[in-house]
N, C-alpha and C. Protein backbone atom coordinates (compact mmCIF):
# COMPACT_ATOMS: atom_id res chain seq x y z
N MET A 1 6.46 9.38 93.61
CA MET A 1 7.48 8.37 93.71
C MET A 1 8.69 8.73 92.85
N ALA A 2 8.45 9.29 91.68
CA ALA A 2 9.55 9.65 90.78
C ALA A 2 10.43 10.72 91.42
N ASP A 3 9.85 11.67 92.16
CA ASP A 3 10.64 12.69 92.83
C ASP A 3 11.58 12.09 93.85
N THR A 4 11.13 11.08 94.57
CA THR A 4 11.96 10.41 95.57
C THR A 4 13.13 9.72 94.89
N ARG A 5 12.87 9.05 93.78
CA ARG A 5 13.96 8.37 93.07
C ARG A 5 14.99 9.36 92.55
N SER A 6 14.53 10.48 92.01
CA SER A 6 15.49 11.46 91.49
C SER A 6 16.28 12.10 92.62
N PHE A 7 15.64 12.29 93.77
CA PHE A 7 16.36 12.84 94.93
C PHE A 7 17.43 11.87 95.40
N LEU A 8 17.09 10.59 95.46
CA LEU A 8 18.05 9.59 95.91
C LEU A 8 19.21 9.45 94.92
N ARG A 9 18.94 9.66 93.65
CA ARG A 9 20.00 9.61 92.65
C ARG A 9 20.98 10.76 92.82
N ASN A 10 20.47 11.95 93.13
CA ASN A 10 21.31 13.13 93.29
C ASN A 10 20.77 13.98 94.45
N PRO A 11 21.15 13.66 95.67
CA PRO A 11 20.58 14.35 96.83
C PRO A 11 20.97 15.83 96.93
N PHE A 12 21.95 16.27 96.16
CA PHE A 12 22.38 17.67 96.23
C PHE A 12 21.92 18.48 95.04
N SER A 13 21.00 17.96 94.27
CA SER A 13 20.54 18.65 93.07
C SER A 13 19.91 20.00 93.39
N PHE A 14 19.32 20.13 94.59
CA PHE A 14 18.70 21.41 94.97
C PHE A 14 19.71 22.54 95.04
N LEU A 15 20.97 22.23 95.20
CA LEU A 15 21.99 23.27 95.28
C LEU A 15 22.20 23.97 93.94
N PHE A 16 21.81 23.32 92.86
CA PHE A 16 22.08 23.86 91.54
C PHE A 16 20.83 24.39 90.85
N THR A 17 19.73 24.43 91.56
CA THR A 17 18.51 24.97 90.96
C THR A 17 18.48 26.47 91.09
N ARG A 18 17.79 27.10 90.18
CA ARG A 18 17.66 28.55 90.20
C ARG A 18 16.25 28.91 90.60
N SER A 19 16.12 29.91 91.42
CA SER A 19 14.79 30.34 91.80
C SER A 19 14.17 31.17 90.69
N SER A 20 12.84 31.18 90.67
CA SER A 20 12.17 32.00 89.68
C SER A 20 12.43 33.47 89.96
N GLN A 21 12.65 33.81 91.22
CA GLN A 21 13.00 35.18 91.59
C GLN A 21 14.31 35.58 90.92
N GLU A 22 15.28 34.71 90.98
CA GLU A 22 16.59 34.98 90.36
C GLU A 22 16.44 35.09 88.85
N GLU A 23 15.58 34.26 88.27
CA GLU A 23 15.33 34.33 86.82
C GLU A 23 14.77 35.70 86.44
N ARG A 24 13.81 36.19 87.23
CA ARG A 24 13.19 37.49 86.94
C ARG A 24 14.19 38.62 87.08
N VAL A 25 15.04 38.56 88.09
CA VAL A 25 16.05 39.61 88.29
C VAL A 25 17.06 39.58 87.14
N ALA A 26 17.46 38.39 86.71
CA ALA A 26 18.39 38.28 85.58
C ALA A 26 17.78 38.91 84.33
N ALA A 27 16.52 38.63 84.08
CA ALA A 27 15.84 39.21 82.91
C ALA A 27 15.77 40.73 83.04
N TYR A 28 15.49 41.23 84.24
CA TYR A 28 15.42 42.68 84.48
C TYR A 28 16.78 43.33 84.21
N VAL A 29 17.84 42.74 84.75
CA VAL A 29 19.19 43.30 84.59
C VAL A 29 19.56 43.35 83.11
N ILE A 30 19.30 42.27 82.38
CA ILE A 30 19.61 42.24 80.95
C ILE A 30 18.80 43.29 80.20
N ARG A 31 17.50 43.35 80.49
CA ARG A 31 16.62 44.30 79.79
C ARG A 31 17.04 45.74 80.03
N GLU A 32 17.33 46.08 81.29
CA GLU A 32 17.73 47.46 81.61
C GLU A 32 19.07 47.81 80.99
N HIS A 33 19.99 46.86 80.96
CA HIS A 33 21.28 47.12 80.34
C HIS A 33 21.10 47.34 78.83
N GLU A 34 20.24 46.55 78.21
CA GLU A 34 19.98 46.72 76.77
C GLU A 34 19.33 48.07 76.47
N ARG A 35 18.66 48.66 77.44
CA ARG A 35 18.07 49.99 77.27
C ARG A 35 19.11 51.10 77.39
N GLY A 36 20.35 50.73 77.71
CA GLY A 36 21.42 51.70 77.73
C GLY A 36 21.95 52.07 79.11
N ARG A 37 21.43 51.45 80.14
CA ARG A 37 21.91 51.76 81.50
C ARG A 37 23.17 50.97 81.81
N ARG A 38 24.03 51.56 82.62
CA ARG A 38 25.25 50.89 83.05
C ARG A 38 24.90 49.75 84.01
N LEU A 39 25.66 48.68 83.95
CA LEU A 39 25.39 47.49 84.76
C LEU A 39 25.41 47.81 86.25
N ASN A 40 26.41 48.55 86.70
CA ASN A 40 26.49 48.87 88.14
C ASN A 40 25.30 49.67 88.60
N GLU A 41 24.81 50.54 87.75
CA GLU A 41 23.62 51.33 88.07
C GLU A 41 22.39 50.42 88.21
N VAL A 42 22.25 49.47 87.30
CA VAL A 42 21.12 48.55 87.35
C VAL A 42 21.20 47.68 88.61
N LEU A 43 22.39 47.23 88.97
CA LEU A 43 22.54 46.38 90.15
C LEU A 43 22.21 47.11 91.45
N GLU A 44 22.24 48.43 91.43
CA GLU A 44 21.90 49.22 92.62
C GLU A 44 20.42 49.59 92.68
N ASP A 45 19.66 49.25 91.65
CA ASP A 45 18.23 49.54 91.65
C ASP A 45 17.54 48.89 92.85
N PRO A 46 16.57 49.58 93.41
CA PRO A 46 15.79 48.97 94.51
C PRO A 46 15.16 47.64 94.11
N TYR A 47 14.74 47.51 92.86
CA TYR A 47 14.15 46.25 92.40
C TYR A 47 15.12 45.09 92.61
N VAL A 48 16.38 45.30 92.27
CA VAL A 48 17.39 44.25 92.40
C VAL A 48 17.77 44.07 93.87
N ARG A 49 18.06 45.16 94.56
CA ARG A 49 18.53 45.09 95.95
C ARG A 49 17.50 44.47 96.89
N ASN A 50 16.22 44.67 96.61
CA ASN A 50 15.17 44.12 97.47
C ASN A 50 14.86 42.66 97.19
N ARG A 51 15.37 42.13 96.11
CA ARG A 51 15.00 40.78 95.72
C ARG A 51 16.12 39.75 95.81
N VAL A 52 17.37 40.18 95.73
CA VAL A 52 18.47 39.23 95.79
C VAL A 52 19.58 39.76 96.70
N SER A 53 20.27 38.84 97.33
CA SER A 53 21.39 39.19 98.20
C SER A 53 22.64 39.43 97.36
N ASP A 54 23.70 39.90 98.00
CA ASP A 54 24.97 40.10 97.29
C ASP A 54 25.49 38.79 96.72
N ALA A 55 25.33 37.70 97.49
CA ALA A 55 25.78 36.39 97.01
C ALA A 55 24.99 35.98 95.77
N GLU A 56 23.71 36.25 95.77
CA GLU A 56 22.88 35.91 94.61
C GLU A 56 23.23 36.78 93.40
N VAL A 57 23.59 38.03 93.64
CA VAL A 57 24.05 38.89 92.54
C VAL A 57 25.33 38.30 91.95
N GLY A 58 26.23 37.85 92.81
CA GLY A 58 27.45 37.21 92.33
C GLY A 58 27.16 35.99 91.48
N ARG A 59 26.21 35.17 91.92
CA ARG A 59 25.80 34.00 91.14
C ARG A 59 25.16 34.41 89.82
N LEU A 60 24.38 35.45 89.88
CA LEU A 60 23.72 35.97 88.67
C LEU A 60 24.76 36.38 87.64
N LEU A 61 25.84 37.00 88.10
CA LEU A 61 26.90 37.46 87.20
C LEU A 61 27.76 36.32 86.67
N GLU A 62 27.56 35.10 87.16
CA GLU A 62 28.28 33.93 86.67
C GLU A 62 27.49 33.20 85.59
N ARG A 63 26.24 33.55 85.40
CA ARG A 63 25.38 32.84 84.46
C ARG A 63 25.80 33.14 83.02
N PRO A 64 25.95 32.11 82.21
CA PRO A 64 26.40 32.31 80.82
C PRO A 64 25.51 33.26 80.02
N GLU A 65 24.20 33.16 80.19
CA GLU A 65 23.31 34.03 79.41
C GLU A 65 23.45 35.49 79.81
N VAL A 66 23.77 35.75 81.07
CA VAL A 66 23.99 37.12 81.54
C VAL A 66 25.30 37.65 80.98
N ILE A 67 26.34 36.83 81.04
CA ILE A 67 27.65 37.24 80.50
C ILE A 67 27.54 37.52 79.01
N ASP A 68 26.82 36.65 78.28
CA ASP A 68 26.65 36.85 76.83
C ASP A 68 25.91 38.14 76.54
N ALA A 69 24.87 38.43 77.30
CA ALA A 69 24.04 39.61 77.04
C ALA A 69 24.74 40.91 77.43
N LEU A 70 25.49 40.87 78.53
CA LEU A 70 26.07 42.11 79.07
C LEU A 70 27.51 42.33 78.63
N GLY A 71 28.18 41.29 78.25
CA GLY A 71 29.59 41.40 77.87
C GLY A 71 30.49 41.08 79.05
N ARG A 72 31.52 40.32 78.78
CA ARG A 72 32.43 39.87 79.85
C ARG A 72 33.09 41.05 80.57
N ALA A 73 33.46 42.09 79.85
CA ALA A 73 34.13 43.23 80.48
C ALA A 73 33.21 43.92 81.49
N ASN A 74 31.95 44.10 81.13
CA ASN A 74 31.00 44.73 82.05
C ASN A 74 30.78 43.88 83.30
N VAL A 75 30.67 42.56 83.11
CA VAL A 75 30.44 41.66 84.23
C VAL A 75 31.66 41.64 85.14
N THR A 76 32.84 41.60 84.57
CA THR A 76 34.08 41.59 85.36
C THR A 76 34.19 42.86 86.19
N GLU A 77 33.88 44.00 85.58
CA GLU A 77 33.92 45.27 86.30
C GLU A 77 32.91 45.29 87.45
N ALA A 78 31.73 44.79 87.22
CA ALA A 78 30.69 44.75 88.26
C ALA A 78 31.11 43.85 89.41
N LYS A 79 31.71 42.70 89.10
CA LYS A 79 32.18 41.78 90.14
C LYS A 79 33.25 42.44 91.01
N GLN A 80 34.15 43.18 90.38
CA GLN A 80 35.22 43.84 91.13
C GLN A 80 34.63 44.89 92.08
N GLN A 81 33.61 45.57 91.65
CA GLN A 81 33.01 46.59 92.49
C GLN A 81 32.19 45.99 93.62
N LEU A 82 31.67 44.77 93.41
CA LEU A 82 30.94 44.08 94.47
C LEU A 82 31.88 43.65 95.58
N GLY A 83 33.12 43.36 95.20
CA GLY A 83 34.11 42.99 96.20
C GLY A 83 34.33 41.58 96.30
């Protein structure tokens, strides 16, 4: 019953939820970058490409924790290369 009430309060809340898949890919991207790999190289990994779409990669690059971990300049460069 509580789920129904929360849905009725905000019927579009599902639009702002993050999938656990996206969480795992974000953690992978941050971890690989911290190991010294370039961000664009990590984003081309089969692990990333097989799990998230280009739109999801764009959303991933908007996340504050990703920007903080990777640096704004790296994220901006990656976004430009995505198109």
